[in-house]
Protein backbone atom coordinates (compact mmCIF):
# COMPACT_ATOMS: atom_id res chain seq x y z
CA UNK A 1 136.86 62.32 185.92
CA UNK A 2 134.55 62.92 188.85
CA UNK A 3 130.98 64.13 188.28
CA UNK A 4 131.79 67.47 189.92
CA UNK A 5 134.81 68.01 187.67
CA UNK A 6 132.73 67.16 184.59
CA UNK A 7 130.05 69.66 185.56
CA UNK A 8 132.65 72.30 186.35
CA UNK A 9 134.41 71.76 183.04
CA UNK A 10 131.12 71.98 181.17
CA UNK A 11 129.76 75.07 182.91
CA UNK A 12 132.91 77.11 183.65
CA UNK A 13 133.49 78.48 180.12
CA UNK A 14 129.82 79.25 179.65
CA UNK A 15 129.49 81.11 182.95
CA UNK A 16 132.76 82.98 182.35
CA UNK A 17 131.49 84.02 178.91
CA UNK A 18 128.36 85.52 180.39
CA UNK A 19 130.35 87.24 183.14
CA UNK A 20 132.78 88.63 180.57
CA UNK A 21 129.88 89.94 178.45
CA UNK A 22 128.54 91.74 181.52
CA UNK A 23 132.03 93.11 182.20
CA UNK A 24 132.31 94.43 178.63
CA UNK A 25 128.90 96.04 178.79
CA UNK A 26 129.98 98.04 181.85
CA UNK A 27 132.26 100.06 179.55
CA UNK A 28 129.17 101.33 177.74
CA UNK A 29 127.97 103.12 180.87
CA UNK A 30 130.35 106.03 180.30
CA UNK A 31 127.90 107.54 177.81
CA UNK A 32 125.56 108.66 180.57
CA UNK A 33 128.00 111.33 181.73
CA UNK A 34 127.82 113.27 178.48
CA UNK A 35 124.49 115.01 179.13
CA UNK A 36 122.93 114.48 175.70
CA UNK A 37 119.30 113.87 174.77
CA UNK A 38 117.55 110.52 174.89
CA UNK A 39 118.00 109.76 171.19
CA UNK A 40 121.71 110.50 171.24
CA UNK A 41 122.22 108.46 174.41
CA UNK A 42 120.25 105.52 172.97
CA UNK A 43 122.32 105.57 169.77
CA UNK A 44 125.60 105.88 171.69
CA UNK A 45 124.57 103.02 173.97
CA UNK A 46 123.74 100.86 170.95
CA UNK A 47 127.12 101.63 169.37
CA UNK A 48 129.00 100.97 172.62
CA UNK A 49 127.21 97.64 173.02
CA UNK A 50 128.30 96.26 169.62
CA UNK A 51 131.28 94.34 171.11
CA UNK A 52 128.96 92.79 173.68
CA UNK A 53 126.47 91.79 170.98
CA UNK A 54 129.29 90.18 168.99
CA UNK A 55 130.44 88.36 172.12
CA UNK A 56 126.91 87.12 172.76
CA UNK A 57 126.76 85.75 169.21
CA UNK A 58 130.05 83.93 169.81
CA UNK A 59 128.69 82.54 173.09
CA UNK A 60 125.62 81.31 171.23
CA UNK A 61 127.83 79.41 168.75
CA UNK A 62 130.27 78.18 171.40
CA UNK A 63 127.52 76.85 173.63
CA UNK A 64 126.79 74.14 171.07
CA UNK A 65 130.13 73.73 169.27
CA UNK A 66 132.97 73.98 171.78
CA UNK A 67 135.69 73.78 169.12
CA UNK A 68 134.23 76.85 167.44
CA UNK A 69 134.20 78.64 170.78
CA UNK A 70 137.86 77.83 171.31
CA UNK A 71 138.78 79.14 167.86
CA UNK A 72 136.59 82.26 168.01
CA UNK A 73 137.63 83.31 171.51
CA UNK A 74 141.32 82.75 170.73
CA UNK A 75 140.96 84.73 167.51
CA UNK A 76 139.18 87.55 169.35
CA UNK A 77 141.98 87.65 171.94
CA UNK A 78 144.66 87.76 169.25
CA UNK A 79 142.90 90.42 167.17
CA UNK A 80 142.25 92.66 170.16
CA UNK A 81 145.81 92.28 171.44
CA UNK A 82 147.24 93.03 168.00
CA UNK A 83 145.12 96.16 167.74
CA UNK A 84 145.78 97.73 171.15
CA UNK A 85 149.07 96.24 172.33
CA UNK A 86 151.40 98.91 170.92
CA UNK A 87 149.64 101.79 172.67
CA UNK A 88 147.77 100.19 175.58
CA UNK A 89 149.35 96.95 176.86
CA UNK A 90 147.24 97.01 180.02
CA UNK A 91 144.05 97.05 177.91
CA UNK A 92 145.32 94.03 176.01
CA UNK A 93 145.91 92.17 179.26
CA UNK A 94 142.51 93.05 180.73
CA UNK A 95 140.55 91.96 177.65
CA UNK A 96 142.72 89.35 175.90
CA UNK A 97 143.76 87.22 178.88
CA UNK A 98 140.17 86.38 179.94
CA UNK A 99 139.35 85.61 176.30
CA UNK A 100 142.30 83.21 176.17
CA UNK A 101 141.20 81.55 179.41
CA UNK A 102 137.70 81.08 178.00
CA UNK A 103 139.15 79.74 174.74
CA UNK A 104 141.29 77.22 176.62
CA UNK A 105 138.31 76.09 178.70
CA UNK A 106 136.24 75.57 175.55
CA UNK A 107 139.15 73.64 174.04
CA UNK A 108 139.35 71.40 177.12
CA UNK A 109 135.59 71.02 176.97
CA UNK A 110 135.79 69.94 173.34
CA UNK A 111 138.65 67.51 173.98
CA UNK A 112 136.67 65.87 176.80
CA UNK A 113 133.29 66.08 175.04
CA UNK A 114 132.71 62.33 174.82
CA UNK A 115 133.35 61.96 178.53
CA UNK A 116 131.15 64.96 179.35
CA UNK A 117 128.27 63.85 177.15
CA UNK A 118 128.43 60.24 178.36
CA UNK A 119 127.77 61.44 181.89
CA UNK A 120 124.43 62.96 180.94
């Protein structure tokens, strides 16, 4: 494996995780249209950001243990799809497919870990 491919394989799932966390946090911005007071907006923002906080915790674990990242991201994709698929299949595709891509990248990262770590 070339040095560029090793670096790409190492960094791609991590960068995609961060980008996906930013994408999820954009959904929390809808609370600013409601016209409530500061306290209510702060509480609503905190509640809307819970999925992002959970995702950040998973990223923290996956950064060190790639196998755990593969399992956790795949489980998150399956749970979300199972919850919303009957009523909102497009939501399932928008959220679950990127989670599955990230899970597969972490799995590839874990399978190639000896090769990736030897290059450092």
